[in-house]
Amino acid sequence: MRLKYKDMEGEHEVEAVVTTAHASSSYGIPAIVLADGTVVSTMAWYFFQFEVVEATEEEYYLLQQAI
C-alpha cells in the first residue's frame, strides 16, 4: 500500500505493509511497517498525519485494527 505523511521537511509518500507477521504485531493486532523497516506506532500515525494513498480492501481492514 502507499501512504503519505508530513514532517518538518514536507510531505512524503512511502510504500508500507500492514501485517500480523511482524515482531511488532501483538495478540493479532497488525503492525504498519514502512519499506525501510520502520514500524509506525499509533502515536506516530497521528503525529505525522499519515494518510492512505492506495490500499486494498484487506489492507484497509487491517489498518482499522492497527490504528
N, C-alpha and C. Protein backbone atom coordinates (compact mmCIF):
# COMPACT_ATOMS: atom_id res chain seq x y z
N MET A 1 0.84 -1.16 0.00
CA MET A 1 0.00 0.00 0.00
C MET A 1 0.89 1.22 0.00
N ARG A 2 0.31 2.35 -0.33
CA ARG A 2 1.05 3.61 -0.34
C ARG A 2 0.46 4.53 0.72
N LEU A 3 1.35 5.18 1.46
CA LEU A 3 0.95 6.13 2.49
C LEU A 3 1.67 7.44 2.24
N LYS A 4 1.11 8.52 2.79
CA LYS A 4 1.83 9.79 2.79
C LYS A 4 1.78 10.34 4.20
N TYR A 5 2.80 11.11 4.54
CA TYR A 5 2.89 11.73 5.86
C TYR A 5 3.61 13.05 5.75
N LYS A 6 3.49 13.85 6.81
CA LYS A 6 4.13 15.16 6.85
C LYS A 6 5.12 15.22 8.00
N ASP A 7 6.25 15.88 7.73
CA ASP A 7 7.21 16.17 8.79
C ASP A 7 7.77 17.57 8.54
N MET A 8 8.81 17.93 9.27
CA MET A 8 9.35 19.29 9.14
C MET A 8 9.94 19.56 7.76
N GLU A 9 10.27 18.52 7.01
CA GLU A 9 10.86 18.69 5.69
C GLU A 9 9.82 18.72 4.59
N GLY A 10 8.56 18.46 4.93
CA GLY A 10 7.50 18.49 3.92
C GLY A 10 6.67 17.22 3.93
N GLU A 11 6.06 16.95 2.79
CA GLU A 11 5.20 15.78 2.65
C GLU A 11 5.94 14.68 1.90
N HIS A 12 5.76 13.44 2.35
CA HIS A 12 6.46 12.31 1.76
C HIS A 12 5.47 11.19 1.45
N GLU A 13 5.76 10.43 0.42
CA GLU A 13 4.95 9.27 0.07
C GLU A 13 5.84 8.03 0.18
N VAL A 14 5.32 6.98 0.84
CA VAL A 14 6.11 5.78 1.10
C VAL A 14 5.30 4.51 0.86
N GLU A 15 6.01 3.44 0.58
CA GLU A 15 5.40 2.11 0.50
C GLU A 15 5.35 1.53 1.90
N ALA A 16 4.32 0.76 2.19
CA ALA A 16 4.18 0.15 3.52
C ALA A 16 3.36 -1.13 3.41
N VAL A 17 3.46 -1.93 4.46
CA VAL A 17 2.60 -3.12 4.58
C VAL A 17 1.97 -3.07 5.96
N VAL A 18 0.81 -3.67 6.07
CA VAL A 18 0.16 -3.83 7.36
C VAL A 18 0.00 -5.34 7.54
N THR A 19 0.59 -5.86 8.61
CA THR A 19 0.71 -7.31 8.74
C THR A 19 0.69 -7.77 10.20
N THR A 20 0.28 -8.99 10.38
CA THR A 20 0.37 -9.62 11.70
C THR A 20 1.61 -10.51 11.77
N ALA A 21 2.35 -10.62 10.67
CA ALA A 21 3.55 -11.47 10.60
C ALA A 21 4.81 -10.64 10.84
N HIS A 22 4.80 -9.82 11.87
CA HIS A 22 5.95 -8.98 12.23
C HIS A 22 6.10 -9.02 13.74
N ALA A 23 7.33 -8.90 14.21
CA ALA A 23 7.59 -8.95 15.65
C ALA A 23 6.84 -7.87 16.43
N SER A 24 6.51 -6.75 15.78
CA SER A 24 5.79 -5.67 16.45
C SER A 24 4.29 -5.93 16.56
N SER A 25 3.81 -6.90 15.82
CA SER A 25 2.41 -7.29 15.91
C SER A 25 2.23 -8.07 17.21
N SER A 26 1.18 -7.73 17.93
CA SER A 26 0.97 -8.37 19.23
C SER A 26 -0.49 -8.79 19.38
N TYR A 27 -0.71 -10.01 19.83
CA TYR A 27 -2.06 -10.53 20.08
C TYR A 27 -2.97 -10.37 18.86
N GLY A 28 -2.40 -10.53 17.68
CA GLY A 28 -3.19 -10.46 16.45
C GLY A 28 -3.47 -9.06 15.95
N ILE A 29 -2.96 -8.05 16.65
CA ILE A 29 -3.13 -6.67 16.19
C ILE A 29 -2.04 -6.37 15.16
N PRO A 30 -2.43 -5.97 13.96
CA PRO A 30 -1.46 -5.75 12.89
C PRO A 30 -0.50 -4.60 13.19
N ALA A 31 0.67 -4.67 12.57
CA ALA A 31 1.66 -3.60 12.63
C ALA A 31 1.78 -2.97 11.25
N ILE A 32 1.99 -1.66 11.23
CA ILE A 32 2.23 -0.93 9.98
C ILE A 32 3.73 -0.79 9.84
N VAL A 33 4.28 -1.35 8.75
CA VAL A 33 5.72 -1.37 8.55
C VAL A 33 6.06 -0.68 7.23
N LEU A 34 6.90 0.34 7.30
CA LEU A 34 7.32 1.06 6.10
C LEU A 34 8.36 0.24 5.35
N ALA A 35 8.62 0.59 4.10
CA ALA A 35 9.55 -0.14 3.25
C ALA A 35 10.95 -0.23 3.84
N ASP A 36 11.34 0.76 4.64
CA ASP A 36 12.69 0.74 5.24
C ASP A 36 12.73 -0.05 6.56
N GLY A 37 11.59 -0.66 6.94
CA GLY A 37 11.54 -1.47 8.15
C GLY A 37 11.04 -0.74 9.38
N THR A 38 10.82 0.55 9.28
CA THR A 38 10.31 1.34 10.39
C THR A 38 8.87 0.95 10.69
N VAL A 39 8.57 0.74 11.97
CA VAL A 39 7.20 0.43 12.38
C VAL A 39 6.52 1.74 12.78
N VAL A 40 5.31 1.95 12.28
CA VAL A 40 4.56 3.16 12.58
C VAL A 40 3.63 2.88 13.76
N SER A 41 3.88 3.55 14.87
CA SER A 41 3.02 3.41 16.04
C SER A 41 1.74 4.22 15.85
N THR A 42 0.77 3.97 16.68
CA THR A 42 -0.47 4.75 16.63
C THR A 42 -0.17 6.23 16.87
N MET A 43 0.70 6.51 17.83
CA MET A 43 1.06 7.90 18.12
C MET A 43 1.71 8.55 16.90
N ALA A 44 2.63 7.84 16.24
CA ALA A 44 3.30 8.39 15.05
C ALA A 44 2.31 8.59 13.90
N TRP A 45 1.32 7.69 13.78
CA TRP A 45 0.31 7.79 12.73
C TRP A 45 -0.38 9.15 12.80
N TYR A 46 -0.77 9.56 14.01
CA TYR A 46 -1.47 10.83 14.18
C TYR A 46 -0.51 12.02 14.20
N PHE A 47 0.64 11.88 14.82
CA PHE A 47 1.60 12.98 14.91
C PHE A 47 2.09 13.41 13.52
N PHE A 48 2.41 12.43 12.68
CA PHE A 48 2.92 12.72 11.33
C PHE A 48 1.81 12.80 10.29
N GLN A 49 0.56 12.75 10.74
CA GLN A 49 -0.61 12.91 9.86
C GLN A 49 -0.57 11.96 8.67
N PHE A 50 -0.33 10.68 8.95
CA PHE A 50 -0.33 9.69 7.88
C PHE A 50 -1.69 9.62 7.22
N GLU A 51 -1.69 9.38 5.92
CA GLU A 51 -2.91 9.19 5.14
C GLU A 51 -2.68 8.04 4.17
N VAL A 52 -3.73 7.33 3.87
CA VAL A 52 -3.66 6.24 2.89
C VAL A 52 -3.81 6.83 1.50
N VAL A 53 -2.87 6.54 0.63
CA VAL A 53 -2.94 6.97 -0.76
C VAL A 53 -3.57 5.87 -1.60
N GLU A 54 -3.14 4.63 -1.34
CA GLU A 54 -3.63 3.48 -2.11
C GLU A 54 -3.54 2.24 -1.24
N ALA A 55 -4.63 1.47 -1.19
CA ALA A 55 -4.63 0.23 -0.40
C ALA A 55 -5.74 -0.68 -0.89
N THR A 56 -5.55 -1.96 -0.66
CA THR A 56 -6.58 -2.94 -1.00
C THR A 56 -7.63 -2.96 0.12
N GLU A 57 -8.74 -3.62 -0.13
CA GLU A 57 -9.78 -3.75 0.90
C GLU A 57 -9.24 -4.47 2.13
N GLU A 58 -8.43 -5.51 1.91
CA GLU A 58 -7.84 -6.25 3.03
C GLU A 58 -6.92 -5.36 3.85
N GLU A 59 -6.12 -4.52 3.18
CA GLU A 59 -5.22 -3.61 3.90
C GLU A 59 -6.01 -2.59 4.71
N TYR A 60 -7.11 -2.07 4.14
CA TYR A 60 -7.96 -1.15 4.89
C TYR A 60 -8.53 -1.83 6.14
N TYR A 61 -8.95 -3.06 6.00
CA TYR A 61 -9.49 -3.81 7.13
C TYR A 61 -8.45 -3.96 8.24
N LEU A 62 -7.23 -4.33 7.86
CA LEU A 62 -6.16 -4.48 8.84
C LEU A 62 -5.76 -3.14 9.47
N LEU A 63 -5.79 -2.08 8.66
CA LEU A 63 -5.47 -0.75 9.19
C LEU A 63 -6.44 -0.33 10.28
N GLN A 64 -7.70 -0.66 10.10
CA GLN A 64 -8.71 -0.31 11.12
C GLN A 64 -8.37 -0.98 12.45
N GLN A 65 -7.80 -2.15 12.40
CA GLN A 65 -7.39 -2.84 13.63
C GLN A 65 -6.10 -2.28 14.19
N ALA A 66 -5.21 -1.83 13.32
CA ALA A 66 -3.88 -1.38 13.75
C ALA A 66 -3.90 0.00 14.41
N ILE A 67 -4.83 0.83 13.98
CA ILE A 67 -4.80 2.23 14.46
C ILE A 67 -5.78 2.41 15.60
